[in-house]
Amino acid sequence: DGPDGLPLPPYKIYNIGNSHPEKLLDFVEILQEELTTAGI
């Protein structure tokens, strides 16, 4: 309950992310390298 005696909403929001943004071009270059390593 809040200070006014009324219920507080049992409500939360969270971020779930890697906290380390990568440039899209770098991402694609790594993807290409790993596809090559996997023989694709």
Full PDB file with SEQRES, HELIX, SHEET, SSBOND, CRYST1, ORIGX, SCALE, CONECT and MASTER records, all heavy atoms in Angstrom:
SEQRES   1 A   40  ASP GLY PRO ASP GLY LEU PRO LEU PRO PRO TYR LYS ILE          
SEQRES   2 A   40  TYR ASN ILE GLY ASN SER HIS PRO GLU LYS LEU LEU ASP          
SEQRES   3 A   40  PHE VAL GLU ILE LEU GLN GLU GLU LEU THR THR ALA GLY          
SEQRES   4 A   40  ILE                                                          
HELIX    1 AA1 LEU A   24  THR A   37  1                                  14    
CRYST1    1.000    1.000    1.000  90.00  90.00  90.00 P 1           1          
ORIGX1      1.000000  0.000000  0.000000        0.00000                         
ORIGX2      0.000000  1.000000  0.000000        0.00000                         
ORIGX3      0.000000  0.000000  1.000000        0.00000                         
SCALE1      1.000000  0.000000  0.000000        0.00000                         
SCALE2      0.000000  1.000000  0.000000        0.00000                         
SCALE3      0.000000  0.000000  1.000000        0.00000                         
ATOM      1  N   ASP A   1       0.833  -1.197   0.000  1.00  0.00           N  
ATOM      2  CA  ASP A   1       0.000   0.000   0.000  1.00  0.00           C  
ATOM      3  C   ASP A   1       0.867   1.245   0.000  1.00  0.00           C  
ATOM      4  O   ASP A   1       1.965   1.265   0.587  1.00  0.00           O  
ATOM      5  CB  ASP A   1      -0.915   0.027   1.223  1.00  0.00           C  
ATOM      6  CG  ASP A   1      -1.978  -1.058   1.173  1.00  0.00           C  
ATOM      7  OD1 ASP A   1      -2.295  -1.517   0.056  1.00  0.00           O  
ATOM      8  OD2 ASP A   1      -2.475  -1.452   2.241  1.00  0.00           O  
ATOM      9  N   GLY A   2       0.381   2.312  -0.653  1.00  0.00           N  
ATOM     10  CA  GLY A   2       1.084   3.580  -0.681  1.00  0.00           C  
ATOM     11  C   GLY A   2       0.772   4.428   0.528  1.00  0.00           C  
ATOM     12  O   GLY A   2       0.012   4.016   1.418  1.00  0.00           O  
ATOM     13  N   PRO A   3       1.343   5.630   0.593  1.00  0.00           N  
ATOM     14  CA  PRO A   3       1.108   6.537   1.730  1.00  0.00           C  
ATOM     15  C   PRO A   3      -0.362   6.889   1.912  1.00  0.00           C  
ATOM     16  O   PRO A   3      -0.789   7.216   3.028  1.00  0.00           O  
ATOM     17  CB  PRO A   3       1.927   7.789   1.358  1.00  0.00           C  
ATOM     18  CG  PRO A   3       2.954   7.299   0.393  1.00  0.00           C  
ATOM     19  CD  PRO A   3       2.305   6.195  -0.369  1.00  0.00           C  
ATOM     20  N   ASP A   4      -1.133   6.801   0.822  1.00  0.00           N  
ATOM     21  CA  ASP A   4      -2.558   7.131   0.922  1.00  0.00           C  
ATOM     22  C   ASP A   4      -3.399   5.945   1.350  1.00  0.00           C  
ATOM     23  O   ASP A   4      -4.627   6.025   1.427  1.00  0.00           O  
ATOM     24  CB  ASP A   4      -3.073   7.677  -0.409  1.00  0.00           C  
ATOM     25  CG  ASP A   4      -2.859   6.694  -1.565  1.00  0.00           C  
ATOM     26  OD1 ASP A   4      -2.329   5.585  -1.314  1.00  0.00           O  
ATOM     27  OD2 ASP A   4      -3.212   7.046  -2.708  1.00  0.00           O  
ATOM     28  N   GLY A   5      -2.744   4.814   1.617  1.00  0.00           N  
ATOM     29  CA  GLY A   5      -3.460   3.618   2.048  1.00  0.00           C  
ATOM     30  C   GLY A   5      -4.015   2.787   0.907  1.00  0.00           C  
ATOM     31  O   GLY A   5      -4.560   1.709   1.140  1.00  0.00           O  
ATOM     32  N   LEU A   6      -3.867   3.273  -0.326  1.00  0.00           N  
ATOM     33  CA  LEU A   6      -4.342   2.536  -1.490  1.00  0.00           C  
ATOM     34  C   LEU A   6      -3.231   1.646  -2.035  1.00  0.00           C  
ATOM     35  O   LEU A   6      -2.041   1.961  -1.897  1.00  0.00           O  
ATOM     36  CB  LEU A   6      -4.814   3.509  -2.575  1.00  0.00           C  
ATOM     37  CG  LEU A   6      -6.005   4.397  -2.202  1.00  0.00           C  
ATOM     38  CD1 LEU A   6      -6.290   5.401  -3.317  1.00  0.00           C  
ATOM     39  CD2 LEU A   6      -7.234   3.536  -1.919  1.00  0.00           C  
ATOM     40  N   PRO A   7      -3.602   0.536  -2.676  1.00  0.00           N  
ATOM     41  CA  PRO A   7      -2.573  -0.381  -3.189  1.00  0.00           C  
ATOM     42  C   PRO A   7      -1.708   0.282  -4.253  1.00  0.00           C  
ATOM     43  O   PRO A   7      -2.195   1.017  -5.120  1.00  0.00           O  
ATOM     44  CB  PRO A   7      -3.392  -1.528  -3.796  1.00  0.00           C  
ATOM     45  CG  PRO A   7      -4.729  -1.442  -3.135  1.00  0.00           C  
ATOM     46  CD  PRO A   7      -4.955   0.013  -2.880  1.00  0.00           C  
ATOM     47  N   LEU A   8      -0.403   0.031  -4.168  1.00  0.00           N  
ATOM     48  CA  LEU A   8       0.517   0.416  -5.224  1.00  0.00           C  
ATOM     49  C   LEU A   8       0.498  -0.666  -6.293  1.00  0.00           C  
ATOM     50  O   LEU A   8       0.411  -1.857  -5.968  1.00  0.00           O  
ATOM     51  CB  LEU A   8       1.937   0.577  -4.679  1.00  0.00           C  
ATOM     52  CG  LEU A   8       2.164   1.668  -3.638  1.00  0.00           C  
ATOM     53  CD1 LEU A   8       3.556   1.548  -3.049  1.00  0.00           C  
ATOM     54  CD2 LEU A   8       1.955   3.037  -4.261  1.00  0.00           C  
ATOM     55  N   PRO A   9       0.564  -0.317  -7.555  1.00  0.00           N  
ATOM     56  CA  PRO A   9       0.537  -1.357  -8.586  1.00  0.00           C  
ATOM     57  C   PRO A   9       1.785  -2.242  -8.507  1.00  0.00           C  
ATOM     58  O   PRO A   9       2.909  -1.714  -8.519  1.00  0.00           O  
ATOM     59  CB  PRO A   9       0.496  -0.570  -9.898  1.00  0.00           C  
ATOM     60  CG  PRO A   9       0.995   0.796  -9.559  1.00  0.00           C  
ATOM     61  CD  PRO A   9       0.618   1.034  -8.137  1.00  0.00           C  
ATOM     62  N   PRO A  10       1.624  -3.554  -8.402  1.00  0.00           N  
ATOM     63  CA  PRO A  10       2.779  -4.465  -8.402  1.00  0.00           C  
ATOM     64  C   PRO A  10       3.278  -4.637  -9.837  1.00  0.00           C  
ATOM     65  O   PRO A  10       2.953  -5.600 -10.541  1.00  0.00           O  
ATOM     66  CB  PRO A  10       2.203  -5.764  -7.836  1.00  0.00           C  
ATOM     67  CG  PRO A  10       0.757  -5.717  -8.176  1.00  0.00           C  
ATOM     68  CD  PRO A  10       0.352  -4.279  -8.207  1.00  0.00           C  
ATOM     69  N   TYR A  11       4.104  -3.695 -10.266  1.00  0.00           N  
ATOM     70  CA  TYR A  11       4.429  -3.527 -11.684  1.00  0.00           C  
ATOM     71  C   TYR A  11       5.909  -3.192 -11.820  1.00  0.00           C  
ATOM     72  O   TYR A  11       6.425  -2.335 -11.098  1.00  0.00           O  
ATOM     73  CB  TYR A  11       3.563  -2.392 -12.224  1.00  0.00           C  
ATOM     74  CG  TYR A  11       3.913  -1.859 -13.594  1.00  0.00           C  
ATOM     75  CD1 TYR A  11       3.323  -2.388 -14.735  1.00  0.00           C  
ATOM     76  CD2 TYR A  11       4.804  -0.800 -13.748  1.00  0.00           C  
ATOM     77  CE1 TYR A  11       3.602  -1.881 -15.995  1.00  0.00           C  
ATOM     78  CE2 TYR A  11       5.098  -0.288 -15.004  1.00  0.00           C  
ATOM     79  CZ  TYR A  11       4.494  -0.831 -16.128  1.00  0.00           C  
ATOM     80  OH  TYR A  11       4.784  -0.325 -17.368  1.00  0.00           O  
ATOM     81  N   LYS A  12       6.592  -3.863 -12.733  1.00  0.00           N  
ATOM     82  CA  LYS A  12       8.012  -3.580 -12.975  1.00  0.00           C  
ATOM     83  C   LYS A  12       8.303  -3.669 -14.468  1.00  0.00           C  
ATOM     84  O   LYS A  12       7.624  -4.376 -15.209  1.00  0.00           O  
ATOM     85  CB  LYS A  12       8.912  -4.572 -12.237  1.00  0.00           C  
ATOM     86  CG  LYS A  12       8.917  -4.417 -10.728  1.00  0.00           C  
ATOM     87  CD  LYS A  12       9.707  -3.188 -10.265  1.00  0.00           C  
ATOM     88  CE  LYS A  12      11.203  -3.371 -10.466  1.00  0.00           C  
ATOM     89  NZ  LYS A  12      11.981  -2.248  -9.870  1.00  0.00           N  
ATOM     90  N   ILE A  13       9.370  -2.961 -14.867  1.00  0.00           N  
ATOM     91  CA  ILE A  13       9.897  -3.028 -16.234  1.00  0.00           C  
ATOM     92  C   ILE A  13      11.411  -3.224 -16.133  1.00  0.00           C  
ATOM     93  O   ILE A  13      12.078  -2.561 -15.329  1.00  0.00           O  
ATOM     94  CB  ILE A  13       9.617  -1.729 -17.019  1.00  0.00           C  
ATOM     95  CG1 ILE A  13       8.113  -1.510 -17.207  1.00  0.00           C  
ATOM     96  CG2 ILE A  13      10.332  -1.761 -18.369  1.00  0.00           C  
ATOM     97  CD1 ILE A  13       7.486  -2.379 -18.253  1.00  0.00           C  
ATOM     98  N   TYR A  14      11.940  -4.126 -16.945  1.00  0.00           N  
ATOM     99  CA  TYR A  14      13.396  -4.314 -17.005  1.00  0.00           C  
ATOM    100  C   TYR A  14      13.870  -4.305 -18.454  1.00  0.00           C  
ATOM    101  O   TYR A  14      13.164  -4.773 -19.356  1.00  0.00           O  
ATOM    102  CB  TYR A  14      13.804  -5.663 -16.391  1.00  0.00           C  
ATOM    103  CG  TYR A  14      13.617  -5.768 -14.906  1.00  0.00           C  
ATOM    104  CD1 TYR A  14      12.488  -6.400 -14.376  1.00  0.00           C  
ATOM    105  CD2 TYR A  14      14.555  -5.252 -14.009  1.00  0.00           C  
ATOM    106  CE1 TYR A  14      12.305  -6.510 -13.010  1.00  0.00           C  
ATOM    107  CE2 TYR A  14      14.372  -5.355 -12.638  1.00  0.00           C  
ATOM    108  CZ  TYR A  14      13.256  -5.988 -12.141  1.00  0.00           C  
ATOM    109  OH  TYR A  14      13.074  -6.099 -10.782  1.00  0.00           O  
ATOM    110  N   ASN A  15      15.072  -3.776 -18.665  1.00  0.00           N  
ATOM    111  CA  ASN A  15      15.786  -3.985 -19.915  1.00  0.00           C  
ATOM    112  C   ASN A  15      16.533  -5.308 -19.845  1.00  0.00           C  
ATOM    113  O   ASN A  15      17.122  -5.638 -18.811  1.00  0.00           O  
ATOM    114  CB  ASN A  15      16.836  -2.890 -20.145  1.00  0.00           C  
ATOM    115  CG  ASN A  15      16.233  -1.540 -20.494  1.00  0.00           C  
ATOM    116  OD1 ASN A  15      15.147  -1.461 -21.057  1.00  0.00           O  
ATOM    117  ND2 ASN A  15      16.954  -0.473 -20.184  1.00  0.00           N  
ATOM    118  N   ILE A  16      16.525  -6.067 -20.936  1.00  0.00           N  
ATOM    119  CA  ILE A  16      17.430  -7.215 -21.054  1.00  0.00           C  
ATOM    120  C   ILE A  16      18.199  -7.047 -22.354  1.00  0.00           C  
ATOM    121  O   ILE A  16      17.680  -7.292 -23.442  1.00  0.00           O  
ATOM    122  CB  ILE A  16      16.691  -8.572 -21.041  1.00  0.00           C  
ATOM    123  CG1 ILE A  16      15.820  -8.715 -19.790  1.00  0.00           C  
ATOM    124  CG2 ILE A  16      17.700  -9.707 -21.095  1.00  0.00           C  
ATOM    125  CD1 ILE A  16      15.189 -10.086 -19.624  1.00  0.00           C  
ATOM    126  N   GLY A  17      19.415  -6.569 -22.232  1.00  0.00           N  
ATOM    127  CA  GLY A  17      20.280  -6.324 -23.379  1.00  0.00           C  
ATOM    128  C   GLY A  17      21.723  -6.561 -23.011  1.00  0.00           C  
ATOM    129  O   GLY A  17      22.069  -6.690 -21.833  1.00  0.00           O  
ATOM    130  N   ASN A  18      22.577  -6.597 -24.002  1.00  0.00           N  
ATOM    131  CA  ASN A  18      23.982  -6.938 -23.784  1.00  0.00           C  
ATOM    132  C   ASN A  18      24.811  -5.772 -23.270  1.00  0.00           C  
ATOM    133  O   ASN A  18      25.968  -5.943 -22.898  1.00  0.00           O  
ATOM    134  CB  ASN A  18      24.599  -7.479 -25.079  1.00  0.00           C  
ATOM    135  CG  ASN A  18      25.768  -8.402 -24.827  1.00  0.00           C  
ATOM    136  OD1 ASN A  18      25.694  -9.281 -23.975  1.00  0.00           O  
ATOM    137  ND2 ASN A  18      26.845  -8.197 -25.558  1.00  0.00           N  
ATOM    138  N   SER A  19      24.237  -4.574 -23.287  1.00  0.00           N  
ATOM    139  CA  SER A  19      24.903  -3.364 -22.783  1.00  0.00           C  
ATOM    140  C   SER A  19      26.226  -3.083 -23.492  1.00  0.00           C  
ATOM    141  O   SER A  19      27.155  -2.519 -22.904  1.00  0.00           O  
ATOM    142  CB  SER A  19      25.147  -3.459 -21.266  1.00  0.00           C  
ATOM    143  OG  SER A  19      23.938  -3.673 -20.585  1.00  0.00           O  
ATOM    144  N   HIS A  20      26.310  -3.509 -24.742  1.00  0.00           N  
ATOM    145  CA  HIS A  20      27.533  -3.286 -25.511  1.00  0.00           C  
ATOM    146  C   HIS A  20      27.169  -3.194 -26.994  1.00  0.00           C  
ATOM    147  O   HIS A  20      27.313  -4.158 -27.735  1.00  0.00           O  
ATOM    148  CB  HIS A  20      28.537  -4.421 -25.279  1.00  0.00           C  
ATOM    149  CG  HIS A  20      29.872  -4.181 -25.926  1.00  0.00           C  
ATOM    150  ND1 HIS A  20      30.759  -3.242 -25.473  1.00  0.00           N  
ATOM    151  CD2 HIS A  20      30.443  -4.753 -27.012  1.00  0.00           C  
ATOM    152  CE1 HIS A  20      31.837  -3.252 -26.239  1.00  0.00           C  
ATOM    153  NE2 HIS A  20      31.676  -4.162 -27.185  1.00  0.00           N  
ATOM    154  N   PRO A  21      26.666  -2.045 -27.439  1.00  0.00           N  
ATOM    155  CA  PRO A  21      26.210  -1.934 -28.824  1.00  0.00           C  
ATOM    156  C   PRO A  21      27.340  -2.122 -29.830  1.00  0.00           C  
ATOM    157  O   PRO A  21      28.450  -1.623 -29.631  1.00  0.00           O  
ATOM    158  CB  PRO A  21      25.620  -0.527 -28.900  1.00  0.00           C  
ATOM    159  CG  PRO A  21      26.219   0.209 -27.752  1.00  0.00           C  
ATOM    160  CD  PRO A  21      26.482  -0.790 -26.685  1.00  0.00           C  
ATOM    161  N   GLU A  22      27.020  -2.861 -30.886  1.00  0.00           N  
ATOM    162  CA  GLU A  22      27.991  -3.156 -31.940  1.00  0.00           C  
ATOM    163  C   GLU A  22      27.531  -2.506 -33.242  1.00  0.00           C  
ATOM    164  O   GLU A  22      26.345  -2.462 -33.544  1.00  0.00           O  
ATOM    165  CB  GLU A  22      28.080  -4.674 -32.168  1.00  0.00           C  
ATOM    166  CG  GLU A  22      28.395  -5.489 -30.920  1.00  0.00           C  
ATOM    167  CD  GLU A  22      29.888  -5.625 -30.674  1.00  0.00           C  
ATOM    168  OE1 GLU A  22      30.663  -5.076 -31.483  1.00  0.00           O  
ATOM    169  OE2 GLU A  22      30.247  -6.294 -29.688  1.00  0.00           O  
ATOM    170  N   LYS A  23      28.504  -2.025 -34.039  1.00  0.00           N  
ATOM    171  CA  LYS A  23      28.171  -1.493 -35.359  1.00  0.00           C  
ATOM    172  C   LYS A  23      27.653  -2.625 -36.236  1.00  0.00           C  
ATOM    173  O   LYS A  23      28.197  -3.727 -36.230  1.00  0.00           O  
ATOM    174  CB  LYS A  23      29.394  -0.845 -36.000  1.00  0.00           C  
ATOM    175  CG  LYS A  23      29.749   0.512 -35.418  1.00  0.00           C  
ATOM    176  CD  LYS A  23      30.941   1.126 -36.124  1.00  0.00           C  
ATOM    177  CE  LYS A  23      30.614   1.420 -37.581  1.00  0.00           C  
ATOM    178  NZ  LYS A  23      31.743   2.140 -38.251  1.00  0.00           N  
ATOM    179  N   LEU A  24      26.621  -2.331 -37.001  1.00  0.00           N  
ATOM    180  CA  LEU A  24      26.017  -3.352 -37.839  1.00  0.00           C  
ATOM    181  C   LEU A  24      27.025  -3.913 -38.838  1.00  0.00           C  
ATOM    182  O   LEU A  24      27.039  -5.123 -39.103  1.00  0.00           O  
ATOM    183  CB  LEU A  24      24.804  -2.778 -38.572  1.00  0.00           C  
ATOM    184  CG  LEU A  24      23.988  -3.748 -39.425  1.00  0.00           C  
ATOM    185  CD1 LEU A  24      23.511  -4.942 -38.601  1.00  0.00           C  
ATOM    186  CD2 LEU A  24      22.802  -3.029 -40.068  1.00  0.00           C  
ATOM    187  N   LEU A  25      27.881  -3.059 -39.376  1.00  0.00           N  
ATOM    188  CA  LEU A  25      28.878  -3.541 -40.337  1.00  0.00           C  
ATOM    189  C   LEU A  25      29.833  -4.527 -39.672  1.00  0.00           C  
ATOM    190  O   LEU A  25      30.185  -5.559 -40.253  1.00  0.00           O  
ATOM    191  CB  LEU A  25      29.652  -2.371 -40.934  1.00  0.00           C  
ATOM    192  CG  LEU A  25      30.668  -2.727 -42.027  1.00  0.00           C  
ATOM    193  CD1 LEU A  25      29.997  -3.462 -43.174  1.00  0.00           C  
ATOM    194  CD2 LEU A  25      31.355  -1.460 -42.545  1.00  0.00           C  
ATOM    195  N   ASP A  26      30.252  -4.239 -38.444  1.00  0.00           N  
ATOM    196  CA  ASP A  26      31.131  -5.165 -37.719  1.00  0.00           C  
ATOM    197  C   ASP A  26      30.416  -6.488 -37.457  1.00  0.00           C  
ATOM    198  O   ASP A  26      31.008  -7.566 -37.577  1.00  0.00           O  
ATOM    199  CB  ASP A  26      31.572  -4.546 -36.392  1.00  0.00           C  
ATOM    200  CG  ASP A  26      32.467  -3.324 -36.575  1.00  0.00           C  
ATOM    201  OD1 ASP A  26      33.041  -3.178 -37.674  1.00  0.00           O  
ATOM    202  OD2 ASP A  26      32.564  -2.515 -35.637  1.00  0.00           O  
ATOM    203  N   PHE A  27      29.144  -6.385 -37.100  1.00  0.00           N  
ATOM    204  CA  PHE A  27      28.336  -7.585 -36.836  1.00  0.00           C  
ATOM    205  C   PHE A  27      28.307  -8.484 -38.070  1.00  0.00           C  
ATOM    206  O   PHE A  27      28.520  -9.700 -37.983  1.00  0.00           O  
ATOM    207  CB  PHE A  27      26.916  -7.149 -36.452  1.00  0.00           C  
ATOM    208  CG  PHE A  27      25.943  -8.277 -36.206  1.00  0.00           C  
ATOM    209  CD1 PHE A  27      25.802  -8.817 -34.951  1.00  0.00           C  
ATOM    210  CD2 PHE A  27      25.166  -8.771 -37.240  1.00  0.00           C  
ATOM    211  CE1 PHE A  27      24.895  -9.847 -34.716  1.00  0.00           C  
ATOM    212  CE2 PHE A  27      24.264  -9.802 -37.021  1.00  0.00           C  
ATOM    213  CZ  PHE A  27      24.126 -10.343 -35.752  1.00  0.00           C  
ATOM    214  N   VAL A  28      28.062  -7.882 -39.238  1.00  0.00           N  
ATOM    215  CA  VAL A  28      27.946  -8.671 -40.465  1.00  0.00           C  
ATOM    216  C   VAL A  28      29.293  -9.264 -40.857  1.00  0.00           C  
ATOM    217  O   VAL A  28      29.366 -10.393 -41.354  1.00  0.00           O  
ATOM    218  CB  VAL A  28      27.363  -7.822 -41.610  1.00  0.00           C  
ATOM    219  CG1 VAL A  28      27.226  -8.659 -42.877  1.00  0.00           C  
ATOM    220  CG2 VAL A  28      26.006  -7.263 -41.219  1.00  0.00           C  
ATOM    221  N   GLU A  29      30.364  -8.535 -40.622  1.00  0.00           N  
ATOM    222  CA  GLU A  29      31.688  -9.067 -40.941  1.00  0.00           C  
ATOM    223  C   GLU A  29      32.009 -10.290 -40.082  1.00  0.00           C  
ATOM    224  O   GLU A  29      32.544 -11.292 -40.575  1.00  0.00           O  
ATOM    225  CB  GLU A  29      32.745  -7.978 -40.754  1.00  0.00           C  
ATOM    226  CG  GLU A  29      32.706  -6.923 -41.853  1.00  0.00           C  
ATOM    227  CD  GLU A  29      33.727  -5.818 -41.657  1.00  0.00           C  
ATOM    228  OE1 GLU A  29      34.271  -5.705 -40.526  1.00  0.00           O  
ATOM    229  OE2 GLU A  29      33.981  -5.063 -42.608  1.00  0.00           O  
ATOM    230  N   ILE A  30      31.668 -10.225 -38.804  1.00  0.00           N  
ATOM    231  CA  ILE A  30      31.890 -11.386 -37.926  1.00  0.00           C  
ATOM    232  C   ILE A  30      31.004 -12.548 -38.360  1.00  0.00           C  
ATOM    233  O   ILE A  30      31.435 -13.703 -38.385  1.00  0.00           O  
ATOM    234  CB  ILE A  30      31.628 -11.011 -36.449  1.00  0.00           C  
ATOM    235  CG1 ILE A  30      32.644  -9.986 -35.967  1.00  0.00           C  
ATOM    236  CG2 ILE A  30      31.677 -12.258 -35.558  1.00  0.00           C  
ATOM    237  CD1 ILE A  30      32.353  -9.431 -34.585  1.00  0.00           C  
ATOM    238  N   LEU A  31      29.759 -12.252 -38.721  1.00  0.00           N  
ATOM    239  CA  LEU A  31      28.852 -13.293 -39.203  1.00  0.00           C  
ATOM    240  C   LEU A  31      29.442 -13.987 -40.426  1.00  0.00           C  
ATOM    241  O   LEU A  31      29.446 -15.227 -40.510  1.00  0.00           O  
ATOM    242  CB  LEU A  31      27.496 -12.682 -39.555  1.00  0.00           C  
ATOM    243  CG  LEU A  31      26.482 -13.612 -40.242  1.00  0.00           C  
ATOM    244  CD1 LEU A  31      26.113 -14.778 -39.335  1.00  0.00           C  
ATOM    245  CD2 LEU A  31      25.237 -12.829 -40.656  1.00  0.00           C  
ATOM    246  N   GLN A  32      29.946 -13.209 -41.366  1.00  0.00           N  
ATOM    247  CA  GLN A  32      30.552 -13.788 -42.573  1.00  0.00           C  
ATOM    248  C   GLN A  32      31.747 -14.669 -42.217  1.00  0.00           C  
ATOM    249  O   GLN A  32      31.920 -15.766 -42.769  1.00  0.00           O  
ATOM    250  CB  GLN A  32      30.961 -12.659 -43.515  1.00  0.00           C  
ATOM    251  CG  GLN A  32      31.748 -13.112 -44.741  1.00  0.00           C  
ATOM    252  CD  GLN A  32      33.231 -12.860 -44.584  1.00  0.00           C  
ATOM    253  OE1 GLN A  32      33.657 -11.826 -44.072  1.00  0.00           O  
ATOM    254  NE2 GLN A  32      34.044 -13.803 -45.023  1.00  0.00           N  
ATOM    255  N   GLU A  33      32.550 -14.221 -41.269  1.00  0.00           N  
ATOM    256  CA  GLU A  33      33.713 -15.011 -40.857  1.00  0.00           C  
ATOM    257  C   GLU A  33      33.289 -16.334 -40.220  1.00  0.00           C  
ATOM    258  O   GLU A  33      33.880 -17.380 -40.490  1.00  0.00           O  
ATOM    259  CB  GLU A  33      34.560 -14.200 -39.873  1.00  0.00           C  
ATOM    260  CG  GLU A  33      35.260 -12.993 -40.497  1.00  0.00           C  
ATOM    261  CD  GLU A  33      35.852 -12.044 -39.468  1.00  0.00           C  
ATOM    262  OE1 GLU A  33      35.770 -12.365 -38.250  1.00  0.00           O  
ATOM    263  OE2 GLU A  33      36.371 -10.996 -39.865  1.00  0.00           O  
ATOM    264  N   GLU A  34      32.251 -16.296 -39.396  1.00  0.00           N  
ATOM    265  CA  GLU A  34      31.812 -17.517 -38.727  1.00  0.00           C  
ATOM    266  C   GLU A  34      31.096 -18.457 -39.697  1.00  0.00           C  
ATOM    267  O   GLU A  34      31.185 -19.678 -39.555  1.00  0.00           O  
ATOM    268  CB  GLU A  34      30.906 -17.168 -37.537  1.00  0.00           C  
ATOM    269  CG  GLU A  34      31.645 -16.482 -36.398  1.00  0.00           C  
ATOM    270  CD  GLU A  34      32.813 -17.296 -35.852  1.00  0.00           C  
ATOM    271  OE1 GLU A  34      32.724 -18.548 -35.866  1.00  0.00           O  
ATOM    272  OE2 GLU A  34      33.809 -16.692 -35.429  1.00  0.00           O  
ATOM    273  N   LEU A  35      30.396 -17.908 -40.677  1.00  0.00           N  
ATOM    274  CA  LEU A  35      29.792 -18.753 -41.716  1.00  0.00           C  
ATOM    275  C   LEU A  35      30.881 -19.441 -42.541  1.00  0.00           C  
ATOM    276  O   LEU A  35      30.732 -20.592 -42.958  1.00  0.00           O  
ATOM    277  CB  LEU A  35      28.884 -17.920 -42.625  1.00  0.00           C  
ATOM    278  CG  LEU A  35      27.583 -17.398 -42.011  1.00  0.00           C  
ATOM    279  CD1 LEU A  35      26.890 -16.435 -42.962  1.00  0.00           C  
ATOM    280  CD2 LEU A  35      26.648 -18.547 -41.636  1.00  0.00           C  
ATOM    281  N   THR A  36      31.978 -18.751 -42.732  1.00  0.00           N  
ATOM    282  CA  THR A  36      33.110 -19.343 -43.451  1.00  0.00           C  
ATOM    283  C   THR A  36      33.751 -20.446 -42.622  1.00  0.00           C  
ATOM    284  O   THR A  36      34.027 -21.550 -43.118  1.00  0.00           O  
ATOM    285  CB  THR A  36      34.152 -18.259 -43.789  1.00  0.00           C  
ATOM    286  OG1 THR A  36      33.540 -17.250 -44.594  1.00  0.00           O  
ATOM    287  CG2 THR A  36      35.333 -18.858 -44.553  1.00  0.00           C  
ATOM    288  N   THR A  37      33.967 -20.177 -41.339  1.00  0.00           N  
ATOM    289  CA  THR A  37      34.554 -21.179 -40.442  1.00  0.00           C  
ATOM    290  C   THR A  37      33.675 -22.419 -40.348  1.00  0.00           C  
ATOM    291  O   THR A  37      34.174 -23.546 -40.265  1.00  0.00           O  
ATOM    292  CB  THR A  37      34.751 -20.581 -39.030  1.00  0.00           C  
ATOM    293  OG1 THR A  37      35.626 -19.451 -39.113  1.00  0.00           O  
ATOM    294  CG2 THR A  37      35.347 -21.606 -38.078  1.00  0.00           C  
ATOM    295  N   ALA A  38      32.353 -22.221 -40.399  1.00  0.00           N  
ATOM    296  CA  ALA A  38      31.412 -23.344 -40.323  1.00  0.00           C  
ATOM    297  C   ALA A  38      31.311 -24.109 -41.644  1.00  0.00           C  
ATOM    298  O   ALA A  38      30.580 -25.103 -41.723  1.00  0.00           O  
ATOM    299  CB  ALA A  38      30.035 -22.838 -39.906  1.00  0.00           C  
ATOM    300  N   GLY A  39      32.032 -23.637 -42.669  1.00  0.00           N  
ATOM    301  CA  GLY A  39      32.038 -24.336 -43.947  1.00  0.00           C  
ATOM    302  C   GLY A  39      30.862 -24.009 -44.846  1.00  0.00           C  
ATOM    303  O   GLY A  39      30.652 -24.682 -45.864  1.00  0.00           O  
ATOM    304  N   ILE A  40      30.094 -22.992 -44.483  1.00  0.00           N  
ATOM    305  CA  ILE A  40      28.925 -22.624 -45.284  1.00  0.00           C  
ATOM    306  C   ILE A  40      29.340 -21.736 -46.451  1.00  0.00           C  
ATOM    307  O   ILE A  40      28.832 -21.863 -47.561  1.00  0.00           O  
ATOM    308  CB  ILE A  40      27.876 -21.920 -44.411  1.00  0.00           C  
ATOM    309  CG1 ILE A  40      27.461 -22.829 -43.253  1.00  0.00           C  
ATOM    310  CG2 ILE A  40      26.650 -21.522 -45.226  1.00  0.00           C  
ATOM    311  CD1 ILE A  40      26.649 -22.139 -42.198  1.00  0.00           C  
TER     312      ILE A  40                                                      
MASTER        0    0    0    1    0    0    0    6  311    1    0    4          
END                                                                             
